[in-house]
PDB file of N, CA and C in Angstrom:
ATOM      1  N   MET A   1       3.584   3.580   9.618  1.00  0.00           N
ATOM      2  CA  MET A   1       2.283   3.839  10.188  1.00  0.00           C
ATOM      3  C   MET A   1       2.125   2.939  11.406  1.00  0.00           C
ATOM      4  N   GLN A   2       1.579   3.495  12.443  1.00  0.00           N
ATOM      5  CA  GLN A   2       1.318   2.705  13.640  1.00  0.00           C
ATOM      6  C   GLN A   2       0.123   3.272  14.385  1.00  0.00           C
ATOM      7  N   TRP A   3      -0.465   2.419  15.219  1.00  0.00           N
ATOM      8  CA  TRP A   3      -1.560   2.851  16.087  1.00  0.00           C
ATOM      9  C   TRP A   3      -0.957   3.577  17.271  1.00  0.00           C
ATOM     10  N   GLU A   4      -1.474   4.742  17.582  1.00  0.00           N
ATOM     11  CA  GLU A   4      -1.002   5.534  18.720  1.00  0.00           C
ATOM     12  C   GLU A   4      -2.132   5.627  19.732  1.00  0.00           C
ATOM     13  N   PRO A   5      -2.069   4.834  20.800  1.00  0.00           N
ATOM     14  CA  PRO A   5      -3.161   4.817  21.780  1.00  0.00           C
ATOM     15  C   PRO A   5      -3.445   6.188  22.405  1.00  0.00           C
ATOM     16  N   VAL A   6      -2.406   6.942  22.658  1.00  0.00           N
ATOM     17  CA  VAL A   6      -2.601   8.264  23.276  1.00  0.00           C
ATOM     18  C   VAL A   6      -3.410   9.177  22.350  1.00  0.00           C
ATOM     19  N   GLN A   7      -3.151   9.067  21.053  1.00  0.00           N
ATOM     20  CA  GLN A   7      -3.872   9.883  20.073  1.00  0.00           C
ATOM     21  C   GLN A   7      -5.205   9.247  19.660  1.00  0.00           C
ATOM     22  N   ASP A   8      -5.364   7.952  19.964  1.00  0.00           N
ATOM     23  CA  ASP A   8      -6.540   7.182  19.587  1.00  0.00           C
ATOM     24  C   ASP A   8      -6.747   7.164  18.072  1.00  0.00           C
ATOM     25  N   CYS A   9      -5.616   7.019  17.346  1.00  0.00           N
ATOM     26  CA  CYS A   9      -5.675   6.961  15.891  1.00  0.00           C
ATOM     27  C   CYS A   9      -4.360   6.409  15.346  1.00  0.00           C
ATOM     28  N   HIS A  10      -4.372   6.079  14.058  1.00  0.00           N
ATOM     29  CA  HIS A  10      -3.136   5.704  13.386  1.00  0.00           C
ATOM     30  C   HIS A  10      -2.354   6.980  13.091  1.00  0.00           C
ATOM     31  N   VAL A  11      -1.041   6.860  13.121  1.00  0.00           N
ATOM     32  CA  VAL A  11      -0.172   8.007  12.842  1.00  0.00           C
ATOM     33  C   VAL A  11       0.976   7.576  11.938  1.00  0.00           C
ATOM     34  N   LEU A  12       1.532   8.557  11.254  1.00  0.00           N
ATOM     35  CA  LEU A  12       2.790   8.388  10.541  1.00  0.00           C
ATOM     36  C   LEU A  12       3.835   9.152  11.326  1.00  0.00           C
ATOM     37  N   LEU A  13       4.914   8.478  11.659  1.00  0.00           N
ATOM     38  CA  LEU A  13       5.997   9.134  12.384  1.00  0.00           C
ATOM     39  C   LEU A  13       7.150   9.390  11.425  1.00  0.00           C
ATOM     40  N   TYR A  14       7.740  10.559  11.534  1.00  0.00           N
ATOM     41  CA  TYR A  14       8.913  10.894  10.741  1.00  0.00           C
ATOM     42  C   TYR A  14       9.768  11.836  11.572  1.00  0.00           C
ATOM     43  N   PRO A  15      11.024  12.061  11.181  1.00  0.00           N
ATOM     44  CA  PRO A  15      11.937  12.833  12.045  1.00  0.00           C
ATOM     45  C   PRO A  15      11.412  14.212  12.466  1.00  0.00           C
ATOM     46  N   GLU A  16      10.653  14.853  11.596  1.00  0.00           N
ATOM     47  CA  GLU A  16      10.169  16.201  11.901  1.00  0.00           C
ATOM     48  C   GLU A  16       8.898  16.216  12.738  1.00  0.00           C
ATOM     49  N   GLY A  17       8.276  15.062  12.929  1.00  0.00           N
ATOM     50  CA  GLY A  17       7.047  15.073  13.705  1.00  0.00           C
ATOM     51  C   GLY A  17       6.163  13.869  13.463  1.00  0.00           C
ATOM     52  N   MET A  18       4.867  14.135  13.519  1.00  0.00           N
ATOM     53  CA  MET A  18       3.873  13.074  13.434  1.00  0.00           C
ATOM     54  C   MET A  18       2.663  13.595  12.672  1.00  0.00           C
ATOM     55  N   VAL A  19       2.060  12.717  11.888  1.00  0.00           N
ATOM     56  CA  VAL A  19       0.831  13.047  11.173  1.00  0.00           C
ATOM     57  C   VAL A  19      -0.257  12.119  11.691  1.00  0.00           C
ATOM     58  N   LYS A  20      -1.329  12.699  12.207  1.00  0.00           N
ATOM     59  CA  LYS A  20      -2.491  11.908  12.617  1.00  0.00           C
ATOM     60  C   LYS A  20      -3.296  11.566  11.371  1.00  0.00           C
ATOM     61  N   LEU A  21      -3.712  10.325  11.280  1.00  0.00           N
ATOM     62  CA  LEU A  21      -4.505   9.876  10.140  1.00  0.00           C
ATOM     63  C   LEU A  21      -5.946   9.635  10.562  1.00  0.00           C
ATOM     64  N   ASN A  22      -6.876  10.057   9.725  1.00  0.00           N
ATOM     65  CA  ASN A  22      -8.264   9.703  10.008  1.00  0.00           C
ATOM     66  C   ASN A  22      -8.470   8.246   9.604  1.00  0.00           C
ATOM     67  N   ASP A  23      -9.608   7.688   9.923  1.00  0.00           N
ATOM     68  CA  ASP A  23      -9.857   6.271   9.666  1.00  0.00           C
ATOM     69  C   ASP A  23      -9.744   5.922   8.186  1.00  0.00           C
ATOM     70  N   SER A  24     -10.248   6.785   7.324  1.00  0.00           N
ATOM     71  CA  SER A  24     -10.200   6.516   5.882  1.00  0.00           C
ATOM     72  C   SER A  24      -8.759   6.475   5.380  1.00  0.00           C
ATOM     73  N   ALA A  25      -7.965   7.439   5.790  1.00  0.00           N
ATOM     74  CA  ALA A  25      -6.562   7.477   5.375  1.00  0.00           C
ATOM     75  C   ALA A  25      -5.820   6.237   5.859  1.00  0.00           C
ATOM     76  N   ALA A  26      -6.081   5.831   7.084  1.00  0.00           N
ATOM     77  CA  ALA A  26      -5.421   4.640   7.626  1.00  0.00           C
ATOM     78  C   ALA A  26      -5.816   3.395   6.845  1.00  0.00           C
ATOM     79  N   GLU A  27      -7.087   3.274   6.494  1.00  0.00           N
ATOM     80  CA  GLU A  27      -7.535   2.108   5.728  1.00  0.00           C
ATOM     81  C   GLU A  27      -6.844   2.052   4.371  1.00  0.00           C
ATOM     82  N   ILE A  28      -6.650   3.196   3.744  1.00  0.00           N
ATOM     83  CA  ILE A  28      -5.954   3.222   2.461  1.00  0.00           C
ATOM     84  C   ILE A  28      -4.491   2.836   2.655  1.00  0.00           C
ATOM     85  N   LEU A  29      -3.811   3.477   3.590  1.00  0.00           N
ATOM     86  CA  LEU A  29      -2.379   3.228   3.775  1.00  0.00           C
ATOM     87  C   LEU A  29      -2.082   1.814   4.255  1.00  0.00           C
ATOM     88  N   LYS A  30      -3.006   1.188   4.967  1.00  0.00           N
ATOM     89  CA  LYS A  30      -2.810  -0.206   5.378  1.00  0.00           C
ATOM     90  C   LYS A  30      -2.614  -1.105   4.161  1.00  0.00           C
ATOM     91  N   ARG A  31      -3.189  -0.708   3.043  1.00  0.00           N
ATOM     92  CA  ARG A  31      -3.160  -1.538   1.846  1.00  0.00           C
ATOM     93  C   ARG A  31      -2.020  -1.176   0.895  1.00  0.00           C
ATOM     94  N   VAL A  32      -1.346  -0.082   1.144  1.00  0.00           N
ATOM     95  CA  VAL A  32      -0.222   0.325   0.290  1.00  0.00           C
ATOM     96  C   VAL A  32       0.997  -0.479   0.738  1.00  0.00           C
ATOM     97  N   ASP A  33       1.288  -1.534  -0.038  1.00  0.00           N
ATOM     98  CA  ASP A  33       2.356  -2.450   0.363  1.00  0.00           C
ATOM     99  C   ASP A  33       3.393  -2.695  -0.729  1.00  0.00           C
ATOM    100  N   GLY A  34       3.277  -1.984  -1.834  1.00  0.00           N
ATOM    101  CA  GLY A  34       4.206  -2.186  -2.935  1.00  0.00           C
ATOM    102  C   GLY A  34       3.844  -3.365  -3.819  1.00  0.00           C
ATOM    103  N   GLN A  35       2.839  -4.116  -3.442  1.00  0.00           N
ATOM    104  CA  GLN A  35       2.403  -5.276  -4.216  1.00  0.00           C
ATOM    105  C   GLN A  35       1.086  -4.999  -4.946  1.00  0.00           C
ATOM    106  N   ARG A  36       0.178  -4.301  -4.278  1.00  0.00           N
ATOM    107  CA  ARG A  36      -1.144  -4.042  -4.842  1.00  0.00           C
ATOM    108  C   ARG A  36      -1.124  -2.778  -5.694  1.00  0.00           C
ATOM    109  N   SER A  37      -1.871  -2.829  -6.776  1.00  0.00           N
ATOM    110  CA  SER A  37      -2.048  -1.631  -7.602  1.00  0.00           C
ATOM    111  C   SER A  37      -3.085  -0.724  -6.937  1.00  0.00           C
ATOM    112  N   VAL A  38      -3.157   0.494  -7.401  1.00  0.00           N
ATOM    113  CA  VAL A  38      -4.167   1.412  -6.877  1.00  0.00           C
ATOM    114  C   VAL A  38      -5.557   0.857  -7.143  1.00  0.00           C
ATOM    115  N   ASN A  39      -5.757   0.280  -8.310  1.00  0.00           N
ATOM    116  CA  ASN A  39      -7.069  -0.314  -8.615  1.00  0.00           C
ATOM    117  C   ASN A  39      -7.405  -1.459  -7.678  1.00  0.00           C
ATOM    118  N   GLU A  40      -6.416  -2.263  -7.314  1.00  0.00           N
ATOM    119  CA  GLU A  40      -6.654  -3.351  -6.366  1.00  0.00           C
ATOM    120  C   GLU A  40      -6.998  -2.798  -4.984  1.00  0.00           C
ATOM    121  N   ILE A  41      -6.334  -1.741  -4.587  1.00  0.00           N
ATOM    122  CA  ILE A  41      -6.624  -1.102  -3.300  1.00  0.00           C
ATOM    123  C   ILE A  41      -8.055  -0.582  -3.287  1.00  0.00           C
ATOM    124  N   ILE A  42      -8.447   0.075  -4.359  1.00  0.00           N
ATOM    125  CA  ILE A  42      -9.817   0.601  -4.449  1.00  0.00           C
ATOM    126  C   ILE A  42     -10.824  -0.546  -4.387  1.00  0.00           C
ATOM    127  N   ALA A  43     -10.557  -1.627  -5.110  1.00  0.00           N
ATOM    128  CA  ALA A  43     -11.475  -2.778  -5.111  1.00  0.00           C
ATOM    129  C   ALA A  43     -11.587  -3.395  -3.717  1.00  0.00           C
ATOM    130  N   GLU A  44     -10.465  -3.510  -3.009  1.00  0.00           N
ATOM    131  CA  GLU A  44     -10.497  -4.058  -1.650  1.00  0.00           C
ATOM    132  C   GLU A  44     -11.294  -3.156  -0.710  1.00  0.00           C
ATOM    133  N   LEU A  45     -11.079  -1.866  -0.835  1.00  0.00           N
ATOM    134  CA  LEU A  45     -11.815  -0.931   0.017  1.00  0.00           C
ATOM    135  C   LEU A  45     -13.310  -0.984  -0.283  1.00  0.00           C
ATOM    136  N   GLN A  46     -13.657  -1.061  -1.564  1.00  0.00           N
ATOM    137  CA  GLN A  46     -15.071  -1.127  -1.935  1.00  0.00           C
ATOM    138  C   GLN A  46     -15.706  -2.403  -1.389  1.00  0.00           C
ATOM    139  N   ALA A  47     -14.952  -3.509  -1.411  1.00  0.00           N
ATOM    140  CA  ALA A  47     -15.468  -4.769  -0.872  1.00  0.00           C
ATOM    141  C   ALA A  47     -15.606  -4.699   0.652  1.00  0.00           C
ATOM    142  N   SER A  48     -14.666  -4.019   1.297  1.00  0.00           N
ATOM    143  CA  SER A  48     -14.710  -3.910   2.760  1.00  0.00           C
ATOM    144  C   SER A  48     -15.769  -2.935   3.244  1.00  0.00           C
ATOM    145  N   PHE A  49     -16.058  -1.947   2.429  1.00  0.00           N
ATOM    146  CA  PHE A  49     -17.017  -0.901   2.797  1.00  0.00           C
ATOM    147  C   PHE A  49     -18.046  -0.732   1.680  1.00  0.00           C
ATOM    148  N   PRO A  50     -18.914  -1.720   1.493  1.00  0.00           N
ATOM    149  CA  PRO A  50     -19.851  -1.687   0.364  1.00  0.00           C
ATOM    150  C   PRO A  50     -20.842  -0.527   0.398  1.00  0.00           C
ATOM    151  N   SER A  51     -21.106   0.027   1.557  1.00  0.00           N
ATOM    152  CA  SER A  51     -22.060   1.136   1.622  1.00  0.00           C
ATOM    153  C   SER A  51     -21.436   2.457   1.170  1.00  0.00           C
ATOM    154  N   ALA A  52     -20.117   2.494   1.072  1.00  0.00           N
ATOM    155  CA  ALA A  52     -19.434   3.703   0.587  1.00  0.00           C
ATOM    156  C   ALA A  52     -19.419   3.644  -0.936  1.00  0.00           C
ATOM    157  N   SER A  53     -20.029   4.629  -1.557  1.00  0.00           N
ATOM    158  CA  SER A  53     -20.096   4.614  -3.015  1.00  0.00           C
ATOM    159  C   SER A  53     -19.009   5.497  -3.619  1.00  0.00           C
ATOM    160  N   GLU A  54     -18.601   5.119  -4.826  1.00  0.00           N
ATOM    161  CA  GLU A  54     -17.661   5.931  -5.594  1.00  0.00           C
ATOM    162  C   GLU A  54     -16.395   6.290  -4.814  1.00  0.00           C
ATOM    163  N   LEU A  55     -15.672   5.299  -4.365  1.00  0.00           N
ATOM    164  CA  LEU A  55     -14.437   5.537  -3.608  1.00  0.00           C
ATOM    165  C   LEU A  55     -13.273   5.974  -4.488  1.00  0.00           C
ATOM    166  N   ASP A  56     -13.365   5.730  -5.777  1.00  0.00           N
ATOM    167  CA  ASP A  56     -12.237   5.961  -6.675  1.00  0.00           C
ATOM    168  C   ASP A  56     -11.622   7.360  -6.519  1.00  0.00           C
ATOM    169  N   ALA A  57     -12.428   8.377  -6.635  1.00  0.00           N
ATOM    170  CA  ALA A  57     -11.911   9.750  -6.608  1.00  0.00           C
ATOM    171  C   ALA A  57     -11.257  10.082  -5.271  1.00  0.00           C
ATOM    172  N   ASP A  58     -11.883   9.653  -4.176  1.00  0.00           N
ATOM    173  CA  ASP A  58     -11.324   9.938  -2.855  1.00  0.00           C
ATOM    174  C   ASP A  58      -9.995   9.220  -2.629  1.00  0.00           C
ATOM    175  N   VAL A  59      -9.927   7.955  -3.037  1.00  0.00           N
ATOM    176  CA  VAL A  59      -8.691   7.188  -2.862  1.00  0.00           C
ATOM    177  C   VAL A  59      -7.590   7.789  -3.728  1.00  0.00           C
ATOM    178  N   LEU A  60      -7.903   8.099  -4.968  1.00  0.00           N
ATOM    179  CA  LEU A  60      -6.898   8.705  -5.855  1.00  0.00           C
ATOM    180  C   LEU A  60      -6.409  10.047  -5.322  1.00  0.00           C
ATOM    181  N   ALA A  61      -7.317  10.844  -4.793  1.00  0.00           N
ATOM    182  CA  ALA A  61      -6.925  12.143  -4.233  1.00  0.00           C
ATOM    183  C   ALA A  61      -6.013  11.956  -3.028  1.00  0.00           C
ATOM    184  N   PHE A  62      -6.345  11.013  -2.148  1.00  0.00           N
ATOM    185  CA  PHE A  62      -5.504  10.782  -0.978  1.00  0.00           C
ATOM    186  C   PHE A  62      -4.135  10.241  -1.376  1.00  0.00           C
ATOM    187  N   ILE A  63      -4.105   9.296  -2.296  1.00  0.00           N
ATOM    188  CA  ILE A  63      -2.822   8.738  -2.725  1.00  0.00           C
ATOM    189  C   ILE A  63      -1.958   9.827  -3.366  1.00  0.00           C
ATOM    190  N   GLY A  64      -2.581  10.712  -4.124  1.00  0.00           N
ATOM    191  CA  GLY A  64      -1.834  11.840  -4.697  1.00  0.00           C
ATOM    192  C   GLY A  64      -1.254  12.739  -3.613  1.00  0.00           C
ATOM    193  N   GLU A  65      -2.042  13.037  -2.609  1.00  0.00           N
ATOM    194  CA  GLU A  65      -1.576  13.872  -1.500  1.00  0.00           C
ATOM    195  C   GLU A  65      -0.479  13.159  -0.713  1.00  0.00           C
ATOM    196  N   ALA A  66      -0.651  11.866  -0.464  1.00  0.00           N
ATOM    197  CA  ALA A  66       0.363  11.103   0.265  1.00  0.00           C
ATOM    198  C   ALA A  66       1.683  11.086  -0.499  1.00  0.00           C
ATOM    199  N   HIS A  67       1.601  11.019  -1.809  1.00  0.00           N
ATOM    200  CA  HIS A  67       2.820  11.057  -2.633  1.00  0.00           C
ATOM    201  C   HIS A  67       3.469  12.434  -2.560  1.00  0.00           C
ATOM    202  N   GLU A  68       2.682  13.482  -2.667  1.00  0.00           N
ATOM    203  CA  GLU A  68       3.218  14.848  -2.579  1.00  0.00           C
ATOM    204  C   GLU A  68       3.879  15.115  -1.234  1.00  0.00           C
ATOM    205  N   GLN A  69       3.347  14.516  -0.186  1.00  0.00           N
ATOM    206  CA  GLN A  69       3.902  14.698   1.167  1.00  0.00           C
ATOM    207  C   GLN A  69       5.069  13.744   1.442  1.00  0.00           C
ATOM    208  N   HIS A  70       5.389  12.901   0.456  1.00  0.00           N
ATOM    209  CA  HIS A  70       6.480  11.924   0.568  1.00  0.00           C
ATOM    210  C   HIS A  70       6.187  10.832   1.602  1.00  0.00           C
ATOM    211  N   TRP A  71       4.904  10.543   1.811  1.00  0.00           N
ATOM    212  CA  TRP A  71       4.528   9.445   2.694  1.00  0.00           C
ATOM    213  C   TRP A  71       4.617   8.115   1.955  1.00  0.00           C
ATOM    214  N   ILE A  72       4.436   8.169   0.642  1.00  0.00           N
ATOM    215  CA  ILE A  72       4.564   6.976  -0.208  1.00  0.00           C
ATOM    216  C   ILE A  72       5.368   7.351  -1.449  1.00  0.00           C
ATOM    217  N   ARG A  73       5.951   6.336  -2.085  1.00  0.00           N
ATOM    218  CA  ARG A  73       6.688   6.539  -3.327  1.00  0.00           C
ATOM    219  C   ARG A  73       6.087   5.643  -4.398  1.00  0.00           C
ATOM    220  N   PHE A  74       6.054   6.160  -5.612  1.00  0.00           N
ATOM    221  CA  PHE A  74       5.613   5.359  -6.754  1.00  0.00           C
ATOM    222  C   PHE A  74       6.812   4.679  -7.383  1.00  0.00           C
ATOM    223  N   ARG A  75       6.604   3.478  -7.892  1.00  0.00           N
ATOM    224  CA  ARG A  75       7.677   2.788  -8.601  1.00  0.00           C
ATOM    225  C   ARG A  75       7.531   3.023 -10.071  1.00  0.00           C
TER     226      ARG A  75
END
């Protein structure tokens, strides 16, 4: 994942192309480091964005989609 100034957003680059990430997706993926659990990621996001309620379902849905797209791997 990297910031792409031309696109004005974070992107995932892979051999077949590029995926533009919205701000929420980028905030989640910034925290996916192989060290934090999904629950820890959700807790960090909730602390960083206290006005956003009930992040659990959205984060879980995105992580599931990211896994299906092979953007992340589960151990």
